[in-house]
Structure formats: C-alpha cells, structure tokens
Amino acid sequence: MGETGPNAGVSAISPTHGWRLACLAGTTAVDRFYDEARLAARLQHPGIPPVHDLGVLPDGRPVMAMKLIDGKTFADLLAARQTRTSTT
C-alpha cells in the first residue's frame, strides 16, 4: 500500500484463511471506527445493513447511521440457543 505516517496501511496474508488483507493502522480507536465504517459503507451484500451516514455526537463520540433491521437481536438468538441446549 506504500503509505507512511499515523494512518499507514499495510498488506498482509491472513494466517487462518490465506486471504490477502489491507490493514489500516489508525492512531486512535476513533480512526479505526471511521475506517471500519467507511469500509462497511462500500459493501453491498444482503446480509450487511447499509451505512447511510457518519458523524459526531454533541459529546464528541463518533456515530454511524445504518439501516434499522427489525427482528431479534443477537443476544436474543444466543439466549434462545442456550435455552434449547440446556433443555435437551
């Protein structure tokens, strides 16, 4: 990737999957949040909700606005799975 500085990018190979990866090295958690949000905004897949906007809350926290998908939460699904496992 060839960039240097606080937000330098490097390429790597995933030792688990063998995939070629582009890694962005932000200097802060906020940089990494925005890097991930920008990447998610570029993805188009039925299983990934689209990102509509990025911003900053009045208290300074970063925010990502995504499509709201109604349904069960991941915590609900895990709890149901735990219940089914414990009753069998």
Foldseek 3Di string as FASTA:
>chain_A
DPDDDQFDWDWDADPVPRDIDIDTRHNDPQVVVVVVLVVLQPDDDPVRWHWDDWDADPVGHIDIDTDDDDDDDPVVVVVVVVVVVVVD
